[in-house]
Amino acid sequence: MICAHTFPHPFLLSERMGDFKRRCVLAVTSWIISSFFSTLSPYAASYTDSSDDETSPRDKQQKNSKGNGDFCIKNIKQADFGRREIEIAEQGKATGYGDEKLWWAAPTSLPRLLHPTAAVLMETLSALGAQCRWAACNIYSTQNEVAAALAEGGFSVFAWKGESEDDFWWCIDRCVNVEGWQPNMILDDGGDLTHWIYKKYPNMFKKIKGIVEESVTGVHRLYQLSKAGKLCVPAMNVNDSVTKQKFDNLYCCRESILDGLKRTTDVMFGGKQVVVCGYGEVGKGCCAALKAMGSIVYVTEIDPICALQACMDGFRLVKLNEVIRQVDIVITCTGNKNVVVREYLDRMKNGCIVCNMGHSNTEIDVASLRTPELTWERVRSQVDHVIWPDGKRIVLLAEGRLLNLSCSTVPTFVLSITATTQALALIELYNAPEGRYKQDVYLLPKKMDEYVASLHLPTFDAHLTELSDEQAKYLGLNKNGPFKPNYYRYENTSKTTSAPA
């Protein structure tokens, strides 16, 4: 209404006009403006939009244009906008996943759900012959318009931004528990889907050929199952594949940590004192970005090798309790639990920003803050002030969940690298002859890791040097790779079983 009243030239609404004429002008103007904005409605449906429809998606009956209702999302009307986002993401993905025909029916949990690049992965798997069902692994990471685009395209998607804990598990169950449908592969992130099937539907593993897992937390859970003798199918550890760990974990976090903090707090990094808990690949990326922005960065670490790397990279290694009173920002990157406990939260300075870049939501003891003496104040989406009785407040982001997936986006190019790795891992496990993989956790074969990298080099107009026959013989290598032995670390220290070459 404000636009309608301010749009006409003041002369048109002057007192010289009769009341009837003024009403006519306003009516026509309102119609013009509403018509104009209706043409922009797909654009207004971005993931930052807060719909005034507070009805839970679980209570809605939605169908796509073809009458299919096997999905549960926020709003199917956002599909057009989501399709345009997917088209943008397609420009940054690699091509040529291969000609393998993969009959794959997999309920999946992927943190990018639904980032447009994850949607490209889903549509690529479908083009290869897969039947996919999809749920989120983070209650804040879904981009509603992308979920709508997939649902409109006929995919069974169960996810929306801002799910409750109950919604989260309900979505996973809807993804898995379908009459007349049986998964034969699992693509997981964080291990929640795998855990749910083990807990609720263990008989499904009789037909499941393998698990592909891409997170530190999920891989850790797979190791626990393997050690206990409960891992009943082969599993591929994508997280420790070079093309995942060195790119998604390192380079992606190097950019998205700044993006997430800026969007939520508008903080200036220059001169800020920051402590990063954990100096794995995620911690390395965060530290590099913050240091480049002029922050004073401290690191906490339990691993002496990673700790020494932090020292050699110019960061001061400390215990958290030594700096907790003075730092301006606390970032967890460990994948562990209770890294930042109530004792540390009580001792933080007023205005300290607290966030998590590890996959799990267990690193910050958020539960300890939900007590009567503390006041929670929602400042903006995914930003809370937690206020102590003396007036001190900390700024908690995403309620302790993954910052970059909850509060910002991540680069489509680096996600394309991870998505390609996941697709190849699924194909490898599905097509592997009987006996190649036992009930253990494996790395992607080195040759496939190199193939993933080669698919993305044309983006940079990069040209690989080729070995001559003499050079290849001297090094004892095949001219076409693999170029590094399985024990070559690329600075990693993984103890994962390598897949057969």
Protein backbone atom coordinates (compact mmCIF):
# COMPACT_ATOMS: atom_id res chain seq x y z
CA MET A 1 0.00 0.00 0.00
CA ILE A 2 2.88 2.39 0.66
CA CYS A 3 4.12 1.89 -2.89
CA ALA A 4 0.66 2.41 -4.27
CA HIS A 5 0.28 5.70 -2.45
CA THR A 6 3.69 7.04 -3.32
CA PHE A 7 3.95 5.89 -6.91
CA PRO A 8 1.75 8.56 -8.64
CA HIS A 9 3.11 12.03 -9.23
CA PRO A 10 1.95 14.33 -6.37
CA PHE A 11 0.02 16.48 -8.87
CA LEU A 12 -2.25 13.54 -9.67
CA LEU A 13 -3.35 13.36 -6.06
CA SER A 14 -3.72 17.07 -5.47
CA GLU A 15 -6.76 18.60 -3.97
CA ARG A 16 -7.74 19.86 -7.42
CA MET A 17 -8.81 16.30 -8.26
CA GLY A 18 -12.16 15.08 -7.15
CA ASP A 19 -12.36 12.27 -4.62
CA PHE A 20 -13.69 9.85 -7.23
CA LYS A 21 -10.82 10.63 -9.61
CA ARG A 22 -8.25 10.19 -6.85
CA ARG A 23 -9.69 6.80 -5.99
CA CYS A 24 -9.57 5.77 -9.65
CA VAL A 25 -5.93 6.84 -9.96
CA LEU A 26 -5.02 4.92 -6.82
CA ALA A 27 -6.90 1.83 -7.98
CA VAL A 28 -5.21 1.81 -11.39
CA THR A 29 -1.82 2.52 -9.83
CA SER A 30 -2.27 -0.31 -7.33
CA TRP A 31 -3.19 -2.66 -10.18
CA ILE A 32 -0.10 -1.64 -12.18
CA ILE A 33 2.20 -2.10 -9.21
CA SER A 34 0.69 -5.42 -8.15
CA SER A 35 0.92 -6.67 -11.74
CA PHE A 36 4.54 -5.57 -11.90
CA PHE A 37 5.47 -7.33 -8.67
CA SER A 38 3.56 -10.46 -9.65
CA THR A 39 5.98 -10.83 -12.57
CA LEU A 40 8.79 -10.74 -10.01
CA SER A 41 7.21 -13.27 -7.66
CA PRO A 42 9.58 -16.10 -8.55
CA TYR A 43 12.49 -13.86 -7.57
CA ALA A 44 10.84 -12.91 -4.30
CA ALA A 45 10.86 -16.55 -3.26
CA SER A 46 14.54 -16.69 -2.42
CA TYR A 47 15.81 -18.73 0.52
CA THR A 48 16.17 -15.54 2.54
CA ASP A 49 12.45 -14.85 2.23
CA SER A 50 10.43 -15.44 5.37
CA SER A 51 7.05 -16.72 4.33
CA ASP A 52 4.09 -15.61 6.41
CA ASP A 53 2.68 -19.13 6.09
CA GLU A 54 3.66 -20.73 9.38
CA THR A 55 1.83 -23.98 8.67
CA SER A 56 4.12 -26.95 9.11
CA PRO A 57 4.89 -28.68 5.79
CA ARG A 58 3.89 -31.92 7.50
CA ASP A 59 0.33 -30.57 7.75
CA LYS A 60 0.10 -29.53 4.10
CA GLN A 61 -1.20 -31.52 1.17
CA GLN A 62 0.95 -30.44 -1.78
CA LYS A 63 1.20 -31.82 -5.29
CA ASN A 64 3.36 -30.85 -8.21
CA SER A 65 1.98 -29.95 -11.63
CA LYS A 66 1.80 -33.64 -12.57
CA GLY A 67 -0.24 -34.57 -9.51
CA ASN A 68 2.60 -36.27 -7.64
CA GLY A 69 2.57 -35.67 -3.88
CA ASP A 70 5.41 -37.95 -2.73
CA PHE A 71 7.39 -35.13 -1.11
CA CYS A 72 7.26 -32.77 1.84
CA ILE A 73 8.69 -29.29 1.37
CA LYS A 74 7.90 -25.70 2.35
CA ASN A 75 6.21 -24.41 -0.79
CA ILE A 76 5.94 -26.04 -4.22
CA LYS A 77 5.16 -22.62 -5.72
CA GLN A 78 8.85 -21.67 -5.37
CA ALA A 79 9.85 -24.23 -8.01
CA ASP A 80 10.50 -21.75 -10.83
CA PHE A 81 12.93 -19.74 -8.75
CA GLY A 82 14.67 -22.92 -7.61
CA ARG A 83 15.06 -24.12 -11.18
CA ARG A 84 16.94 -20.95 -12.07
CA GLU A 85 19.28 -21.45 -9.12
CA ILE A 86 19.94 -25.03 -10.25
CA GLU A 87 20.73 -23.75 -13.76
CA ILE A 88 23.32 -21.39 -12.28
CA ALA A 89 24.87 -24.23 -10.30
CA GLU A 90 25.04 -26.39 -13.43
CA GLN A 91 27.43 -23.88 -14.95
CA GLY A 92 29.98 -24.73 -12.26
CA LYS A 93 29.79 -28.51 -12.25
CA ALA A 94 32.05 -30.94 -14.01
CA THR A 95 30.67 -32.94 -16.91
CA GLY A 96 31.26 -36.51 -17.98
CA TYR A 97 30.57 -38.55 -14.87
CA GLY A 98 30.68 -41.53 -17.22
CA ASP A 99 28.34 -43.75 -19.19
CA GLU A 100 27.76 -46.22 -16.37
CA LYS A 101 24.10 -47.16 -15.97
CA LEU A 102 23.46 -47.27 -12.26
CA TRP A 103 20.20 -48.69 -10.97
CA TRP A 104 20.37 -46.98 -7.62
CA ALA A 105 17.52 -46.35 -5.25
CA ALA A 106 18.98 -44.47 -2.34
CA PRO A 107 17.52 -42.43 0.46
CA THR A 108 20.15 -39.81 0.98
CA SER A 109 21.18 -37.26 3.54
CA LEU A 110 23.41 -34.55 2.20
CA PRO A 111 24.35 -31.30 3.91
CA ARG A 112 23.95 -29.28 0.77
CA LEU A 113 20.29 -30.07 0.80
CA LEU A 114 19.29 -28.30 -0.71
CA HIS A 115 22.03 -26.27 -2.23
CA PRO A 116 21.64 -26.03 -6.02
CA THR A 117 24.78 -28.13 -6.57
CA ALA A 118 23.28 -30.97 -4.53
CA ALA A 119 20.25 -30.78 -6.79
CA VAL A 120 22.54 -31.09 -9.81
CA LEU A 121 24.05 -34.22 -8.22
CA MET A 122 20.60 -35.67 -7.68
CA GLU A 123 19.55 -35.00 -11.26
CA THR A 124 22.85 -36.41 -12.54
CA LEU A 125 22.34 -39.64 -10.59
CA SER A 126 18.81 -39.84 -11.98
CA ALA A 127 20.17 -39.43 -15.51
CA LEU A 128 22.48 -42.36 -14.82
CA GLY A 129 19.49 -44.54 -14.00
CA ALA A 130 19.08 -43.99 -10.27
CA GLN A 131 15.84 -43.72 -8.34
CA CYS A 132 16.55 -41.22 -5.56
CA ARG A 133 14.81 -40.20 -2.39
CA TRP A 134 16.28 -37.28 -0.48
CA ALA A 135 16.28 -35.82 3.03
CA ALA A 136 18.37 -33.18 4.77
CA CYS A 137 21.12 -33.79 7.31
CA ASN A 138 20.96 -30.28 8.79
CA ILE A 139 17.76 -28.61 9.95
CA TYR A 140 18.84 -25.21 8.61
CA SER A 141 20.65 -26.07 5.37
CA THR A 142 17.72 -26.57 2.98
CA GLN A 143 17.13 -23.91 0.35
CA ASN A 144 13.36 -24.15 0.07
CA GLU A 145 13.10 -23.02 -3.54
CA VAL A 146 15.62 -25.67 -4.67
CA ALA A 147 13.67 -28.35 -2.81
CA ALA A 148 10.56 -27.11 -4.62
CA ALA A 149 12.28 -27.36 -8.01
CA LEU A 150 13.25 -30.96 -7.34
CA ALA A 151 9.77 -31.85 -6.12
CA GLU A 152 8.30 -30.28 -9.25
CA GLY A 153 10.73 -32.40 -11.27
CA GLY A 154 9.34 -35.58 -9.74
CA PHE A 155 11.90 -36.22 -7.01
CA SER A 156 10.85 -37.40 -3.55
CA VAL A 157 12.28 -34.67 -1.33
CA PHE A 158 11.60 -34.35 2.39
CA ALA A 159 13.24 -31.20 3.73
CA TRP A 160 12.68 -27.56 4.55
CA LYS A 161 14.67 -24.82 6.22
CA GLY A 162 14.10 -24.63 9.98
CA GLU A 163 12.99 -28.17 10.72
CA SER A 164 12.56 -29.16 14.36
CA GLU A 165 14.46 -32.17 15.71
CA ASP A 166 11.26 -34.20 15.39
CA ASP A 167 10.79 -32.98 11.81
CA PHE A 168 14.36 -34.00 11.00
CA TRP A 169 13.89 -37.64 11.98
CA TRP A 170 10.38 -37.70 10.51
CA CYS A 171 11.79 -36.63 7.14
CA ILE A 172 14.45 -39.33 7.22
CA ASP A 173 11.82 -41.93 8.06
CA ARG A 174 9.55 -40.74 5.23
CA CYS A 175 12.53 -40.96 2.93
CA VAL A 176 13.22 -44.58 3.88
CA ASN A 177 9.92 -46.12 4.87
CA VAL A 178 7.98 -46.45 1.62
CA GLU A 179 5.75 -49.35 0.72
CA GLY A 180 7.08 -51.32 -2.23
CA TRP A 181 10.42 -49.53 -2.29
CA GLN A 182 13.80 -50.88 -1.22
CA PRO A 183 17.09 -48.94 -1.22
CA ASN A 184 20.21 -50.65 -2.49
CA MET A 185 22.70 -47.81 -1.85
CA ILE A 186 23.02 -45.10 0.83
CA LEU A 187 24.59 -41.67 0.32
CA ASP A 188 24.97 -40.14 3.76
CA ASP A 189 26.45 -37.11 5.48
CA GLY A 190 26.85 -37.30 9.23
CA GLY A 191 25.72 -40.92 9.53
CA ASP A 192 22.15 -40.11 10.61
CA LEU A 193 20.53 -41.98 7.75
CA THR A 194 22.74 -45.02 8.26
CA HIS A 195 22.03 -44.89 11.99
CA TRP A 196 18.27 -44.68 11.39
CA ILE A 197 18.22 -47.71 9.09
CA TYR A 198 20.31 -49.74 11.55
CA LYS A 199 17.94 -48.74 14.34
CA LYS A 200 14.55 -48.99 12.61
CA TYR A 201 14.94 -51.09 9.47
CA PRO A 202 17.98 -53.40 9.82
CA ASN A 203 16.53 -55.90 7.34
CA MET A 204 17.05 -53.33 4.59
CA PHE A 205 20.78 -54.05 4.72
CA LYS A 206 20.13 -57.44 3.14
CA LYS A 207 19.71 -55.64 -0.20
CA ILE A 208 21.94 -52.60 0.37
CA LYS A 209 25.23 -52.95 -1.52
CA GLY A 210 27.15 -50.11 0.08
CA ILE A 211 27.31 -46.82 1.95
CA VAL A 212 29.01 -43.63 0.77
CA GLU A 213 29.75 -41.18 3.60
CA GLU A 214 31.26 -37.71 3.25
CA SER A 215 31.65 -36.25 6.75
CA VAL A 216 34.15 -36.62 9.58
CA THR A 217 31.35 -37.43 12.02
CA GLY A 218 29.72 -39.99 9.75
CA VAL A 219 33.02 -41.70 8.92
CA HIS A 220 33.80 -41.90 12.64
CA ARG A 221 30.49 -43.67 13.18
CA LEU A 222 31.29 -46.12 10.39
CA TYR A 223 34.61 -46.94 12.03
CA GLN A 224 32.78 -47.57 15.29
CA LEU A 225 30.41 -49.98 13.55
CA SER A 226 33.31 -51.71 11.82
CA LYS A 227 35.27 -52.07 15.06
CA ALA A 228 32.22 -53.54 16.80
CA GLY A 229 31.68 -55.98 13.95
CA LYS A 230 28.32 -54.40 13.08
CA LEU A 231 29.18 -52.95 9.67
CA CYS A 232 27.32 -55.38 7.43
CA VAL A 233 28.05 -53.74 4.03
CA PRO A 234 31.10 -52.08 2.44
CA ALA A 235 31.43 -48.35 2.99
CA MET A 236 33.31 -45.69 1.03
CA ASN A 237 34.90 -42.90 3.06
CA VAL A 238 34.57 -39.93 0.73
CA ASN A 239 35.57 -37.45 3.45
CA ASP A 240 39.19 -38.58 3.41
CA SER A 241 39.41 -38.80 -0.36
CA VAL A 242 41.85 -36.14 -1.49
CA THR A 243 39.34 -34.39 -3.72
CA LYS A 244 36.94 -34.03 -0.79
CA GLN A 245 39.27 -33.24 2.07
CA LYS A 246 41.65 -30.87 0.33
CA PHE A 247 38.93 -28.95 -1.50
CA ASP A 248 35.56 -29.09 0.27
CA ASN A 249 37.04 -29.14 3.77
CA LEU A 250 39.93 -26.74 3.19
CA TYR A 251 39.18 -24.34 0.34
CA CYS A 252 35.42 -24.26 0.81
CA CYS A 253 35.71 -23.44 4.53
CA ARG A 254 38.39 -20.86 3.80
CA GLU A 255 35.77 -18.84 1.93
CA SER A 256 32.50 -19.79 3.63
CA ILE A 257 33.65 -19.01 7.20
CA LEU A 258 33.97 -15.34 6.28
CA ASP A 259 30.70 -15.39 4.36
CA GLY A 260 28.76 -16.91 7.26
CA LEU A 261 30.18 -14.52 9.86
CA LYS A 262 29.64 -11.44 7.70
CA ARG A 263 26.05 -12.30 6.81
CA THR A 264 25.05 -12.93 10.41
CA THR A 265 27.03 -10.36 12.41
CA ASP A 266 28.53 -7.81 9.99
CA VAL A 267 31.70 -8.20 12.05
CA MET A 268 34.95 -6.53 10.97
CA PHE A 269 37.78 -9.05 11.16
CA GLY A 270 40.76 -6.73 11.30
CA GLY A 271 42.34 -6.82 14.77
CA LYS A 272 39.79 -9.26 16.20
CA GLN A 273 41.11 -12.02 18.44
CA VAL A 274 39.82 -15.39 17.26
CA VAL A 275 40.33 -18.89 18.63
CA VAL A 276 39.83 -21.81 16.23
CA CYS A 277 39.35 -25.16 17.93
CA GLY A 278 40.90 -27.85 15.74
CA TYR A 279 43.55 -27.59 13.02
CA GLY A 280 42.37 -30.26 10.61
CA GLU A 281 41.49 -29.31 7.05
CA VAL A 282 38.46 -27.25 8.14
CA GLY A 283 40.46 -25.48 10.84
CA LYS A 284 43.30 -24.79 8.42
CA GLY A 285 40.90 -23.16 5.97
CA CYS A 286 39.26 -21.02 8.67
CA CYS A 287 42.59 -19.91 10.12
CA ALA A 288 44.03 -18.98 6.72
CA ALA A 289 40.99 -16.83 5.88
CA LEU A 290 40.91 -15.03 9.23
CA LYS A 291 44.65 -14.41 9.24
CA ALA A 292 44.44 -12.91 5.75
CA MET A 293 41.74 -10.53 7.00
CA GLY A 294 44.00 -9.22 9.76
CA SER A 295 42.63 -11.21 12.69
CA ILE A 296 44.82 -12.42 15.56
CA VAL A 297 44.27 -16.18 15.46
CA TYR A 298 44.84 -18.75 18.21
CA VAL A 299 44.51 -22.50 17.70
CA THR A 300 43.62 -25.35 20.06
CA GLU A 301 44.54 -28.89 19.07
CA ILE A 302 44.93 -32.37 20.61
CA ASP A 303 47.00 -33.92 17.80
CA PRO A 304 50.71 -33.02 18.10
CA ILE A 305 51.21 -33.25 14.32
CA CYS A 306 48.37 -30.85 13.53
CA ALA A 307 49.53 -28.70 16.44
CA LEU A 308 53.03 -28.48 14.98
CA GLN A 309 51.56 -27.54 11.60
CA ALA A 310 49.65 -24.71 13.27
CA CYS A 311 52.84 -23.44 14.88
CA MET A 312 54.77 -23.64 11.61
CA ASP A 313 51.95 -21.72 9.88
CA GLY A 314 52.39 -18.89 12.35
CA PHE A 315 49.54 -19.49 14.79
CA ARG A 316 49.87 -19.55 18.54
CA LEU A 317 48.86 -22.90 20.03
CA VAL A 318 46.90 -22.47 23.28
CA LYS A 319 44.45 -24.16 25.58
CA LEU A 320 40.96 -22.74 25.35
CA ASN A 321 40.85 -21.72 29.00
CA GLU A 322 43.95 -19.58 28.51
CA VAL A 323 42.31 -17.22 26.02
CA ILE A 324 38.58 -17.61 26.58
CA ARG A 325 38.24 -14.30 28.49
CA GLN A 326 39.89 -12.18 25.80
CA VAL A 327 38.82 -13.54 22.40
CA ASP A 328 36.15 -11.91 20.24
CA ILE A 329 35.19 -15.00 18.21
CA VAL A 330 35.22 -18.73 19.06
CA ILE A 331 35.00 -21.22 16.16
CA THR A 332 34.83 -25.00 16.65
CA CYS A 333 36.14 -27.30 13.90
CA THR A 334 36.74 -30.62 15.67
CA GLY A 335 33.77 -32.93 15.07
CA ASN A 336 33.97 -33.74 18.79
CA LYS A 337 31.52 -33.04 21.61
CA ASN A 338 31.57 -30.53 24.47
CA VAL A 339 34.47 -28.53 23.08
CA VAL A 340 32.91 -25.30 24.37
CA VAL A 341 31.17 -26.07 27.66
CA ARG A 342 29.16 -23.88 30.00
CA GLU A 343 32.25 -23.01 32.07
CA TYR A 344 33.84 -21.39 29.01
CA LEU A 345 30.60 -19.72 27.95
CA ASP A 346 30.29 -18.15 31.42
CA ARG A 347 33.80 -16.71 31.17
CA MET A 348 33.50 -15.21 27.68
CA LYS A 349 33.62 -11.45 27.24
CA ASN A 350 30.54 -9.44 26.42
CA GLY A 351 29.69 -9.64 22.71
CA CYS A 352 31.80 -12.74 21.96
CA ILE A 353 30.63 -14.54 18.81
CA VAL A 354 30.35 -18.34 19.13
CA CYS A 355 29.91 -20.63 16.14
CA ASN A 356 30.57 -24.14 14.83
CA MET A 357 32.17 -25.22 11.56
CA GLY A 358 32.28 -28.94 12.43
CA HIS A 359 29.51 -31.15 11.09
CA SER A 360 27.88 -32.19 14.34
CA ASN A 361 25.89 -29.87 16.62
CA THR A 362 27.58 -31.33 19.72
CA GLU A 363 30.71 -29.16 19.82
CA ILE A 364 29.07 -26.26 21.67
CA ASP A 365 27.11 -27.21 24.77
CA VAL A 366 24.01 -25.28 23.75
CA ALA A 367 21.77 -27.31 26.06
CA SER A 368 23.56 -25.85 29.08
CA LEU A 369 22.43 -22.37 27.97
CA ARG A 370 18.73 -23.22 28.08
CA THR A 371 18.29 -22.44 31.76
CA PRO A 372 15.92 -20.04 33.54
CA GLU A 373 18.59 -17.51 34.52
CA LEU A 374 19.64 -16.91 30.91
CA THR A 375 17.56 -14.97 28.40
CA TRP A 376 17.51 -15.85 24.69
CA GLU A 377 16.86 -13.02 22.26
CA ARG A 378 16.47 -13.69 18.53
CA VAL A 379 18.26 -10.87 16.68
CA ARG A 380 17.92 -12.08 13.10
CA SER A 381 17.61 -15.41 11.36
CA GLN A 382 20.02 -17.93 12.95
CA VAL A 383 21.45 -15.26 15.28
CA ASP A 384 20.67 -15.34 19.01
CA HIS A 385 21.83 -13.19 21.90
CA VAL A 386 22.17 -15.26 25.05
CA ILE A 387 22.02 -12.79 27.98
CA TRP A 388 23.39 -13.40 31.48
CA PRO A 389 21.81 -11.85 34.62
CA ASP A 390 24.55 -9.18 34.79
CA GLY A 391 23.76 -8.05 31.24
CA LYS A 392 26.63 -9.84 29.51
CA ARG A 393 25.63 -11.38 26.23
CA ILE A 394 27.21 -13.72 23.70
CA VAL A 395 26.21 -14.02 20.05
CA LEU A 396 25.36 -17.64 19.22
CA LEU A 397 25.07 -18.54 15.53
CA ALA A 398 22.80 -21.27 14.12
CA GLU A 399 22.16 -22.60 17.64
CA GLY A 400 25.53 -24.33 17.46
CA ARG A 401 24.92 -26.05 14.14
CA LEU A 402 27.10 -25.81 11.08
CA LEU A 403 27.62 -22.12 10.33
CA ASN A 404 28.30 -22.09 6.61
CA LEU A 405 25.43 -24.40 5.70
CA SER A 406 22.96 -22.75 8.07
CA CYS A 407 23.79 -19.07 7.68
CA SER A 408 25.28 -18.67 4.22
CA THR A 409 26.02 -20.70 1.12
CA VAL A 410 29.08 -22.56 -0.06
CA PRO A 411 30.80 -22.26 -3.47
CA THR A 412 29.14 -24.35 -6.15
CA PHE A 413 32.46 -25.20 -7.78
CA VAL A 414 33.95 -26.90 -4.74
CA LEU A 415 30.67 -28.73 -4.14
CA SER A 416 30.86 -30.01 -7.69
CA ILE A 417 34.18 -31.63 -6.81
CA THR A 418 32.62 -33.36 -3.82
CA ALA A 419 29.48 -34.33 -5.74
CA THR A 420 31.58 -35.90 -8.51
CA THR A 421 33.52 -37.87 -5.92
CA GLN A 422 30.27 -39.10 -4.37
CA ALA A 423 28.82 -40.13 -7.73
CA LEU A 424 31.92 -42.12 -8.63
CA ALA A 425 32.01 -43.76 -5.20
CA LEU A 426 28.40 -44.90 -5.61
CA ILE A 427 29.12 -46.28 -9.07
CA GLU A 428 32.27 -48.04 -7.85
CA LEU A 429 30.54 -49.77 -4.93
CA TYR A 430 27.48 -50.68 -6.95
CA ASN A 431 29.35 -52.15 -9.92
CA ALA A 432 32.19 -53.79 -7.96
CA PRO A 433 32.44 -57.56 -8.55
CA GLU A 434 31.63 -59.87 -5.66
CA GLY A 435 34.45 -60.00 -3.14
CA ARG A 436 36.29 -56.82 -4.13
CA TYR A 437 35.02 -54.99 -1.05
CA LYS A 438 34.50 -56.59 2.33
CA GLN A 439 32.49 -55.22 5.24
CA ASP A 440 34.98 -52.46 5.90
CA VAL A 441 35.56 -48.74 5.28
CA TYR A 442 37.50 -47.82 2.12
CA LEU A 443 38.93 -44.81 0.38
CA LEU A 444 38.01 -44.05 -3.20
CA PRO A 445 40.60 -45.59 -5.55
CA LYS A 446 43.41 -43.16 -6.31
CA LYS A 447 42.70 -43.27 -10.04
CA MET A 448 39.18 -42.01 -9.44
CA ASP A 449 40.41 -39.22 -7.18
CA GLU A 450 42.67 -38.04 -9.98
CA TYR A 451 39.82 -38.34 -12.49
CA VAL A 452 37.64 -36.06 -10.37
CA ALA A 453 40.38 -33.44 -10.31
CA SER A 454 40.96 -33.70 -14.07
CA LEU A 455 37.27 -33.06 -14.78
CA HIS A 456 37.50 -29.69 -13.04
CA LEU A 457 40.76 -28.42 -14.51
CA PRO A 458 39.18 -27.09 -17.75
CA THR A 459 37.36 -24.49 -15.66
CA PHE A 460 40.73 -22.78 -15.17
CA ASP A 461 41.90 -23.37 -18.75
CA ALA A 462 44.59 -25.52 -17.12
CA HIS A 463 46.81 -27.83 -19.16
CA LEU A 464 48.40 -30.92 -17.62
CA THR A 465 51.93 -31.91 -18.51
CA GLU A 466 52.17 -35.43 -19.93
CA LEU A 467 54.96 -37.86 -19.10
CA SER A 468 57.13 -39.14 -21.89
CA ASP A 469 57.62 -42.89 -22.14
CA GLU A 470 61.13 -42.46 -20.76
CA GLN A 471 59.93 -40.38 -17.81
CA ALA A 472 57.12 -42.80 -16.99
CA LYS A 473 59.55 -45.72 -17.05
CA TYR A 474 62.01 -43.83 -14.83
CA LEU A 475 59.31 -43.17 -12.22
CA GLY A 476 57.73 -46.58 -12.61
CA LEU A 477 54.33 -45.07 -13.42
CA ASN A 478 51.61 -45.59 -15.97
CA LYS A 479 51.51 -42.51 -18.22
CA ASN A 480 47.79 -42.15 -17.42
CA GLY A 481 48.13 -42.49 -13.66
CA PRO A 482 47.66 -42.99 -10.84
CA PHE A 483 50.55 -40.66 -10.18
CA LYS A 484 50.87 -41.05 -6.41
CA PRO A 485 50.99 -44.22 -4.27
CA ASN A 486 48.16 -44.92 -1.83
CA TYR A 487 50.37 -43.98 1.09
CA TYR A 488 50.99 -40.47 -0.28
CA ARG A 489 49.20 -38.20 2.16
CA TYR A 490 48.74 -34.85 0.43
CA GLU A 491 49.37 -33.68 4.02
CA ASN A 492 46.63 -36.03 5.27
CA THR A 493 47.14 -38.60 8.02
CA SER A 494 44.22 -40.90 7.25
CA LYS A 495 44.25 -44.46 8.57
CA THR A 496 41.48 -45.58 6.25
CA THR A 497 41.73 -48.82 4.29
CA SER A 498 42.53 -48.03 0.66
CA ALA A 499 40.27 -49.39 -2.04
CA PRO A 500 41.75 -51.88 -4.50
CA ALA A 501 43.38 -50.16 -7.47
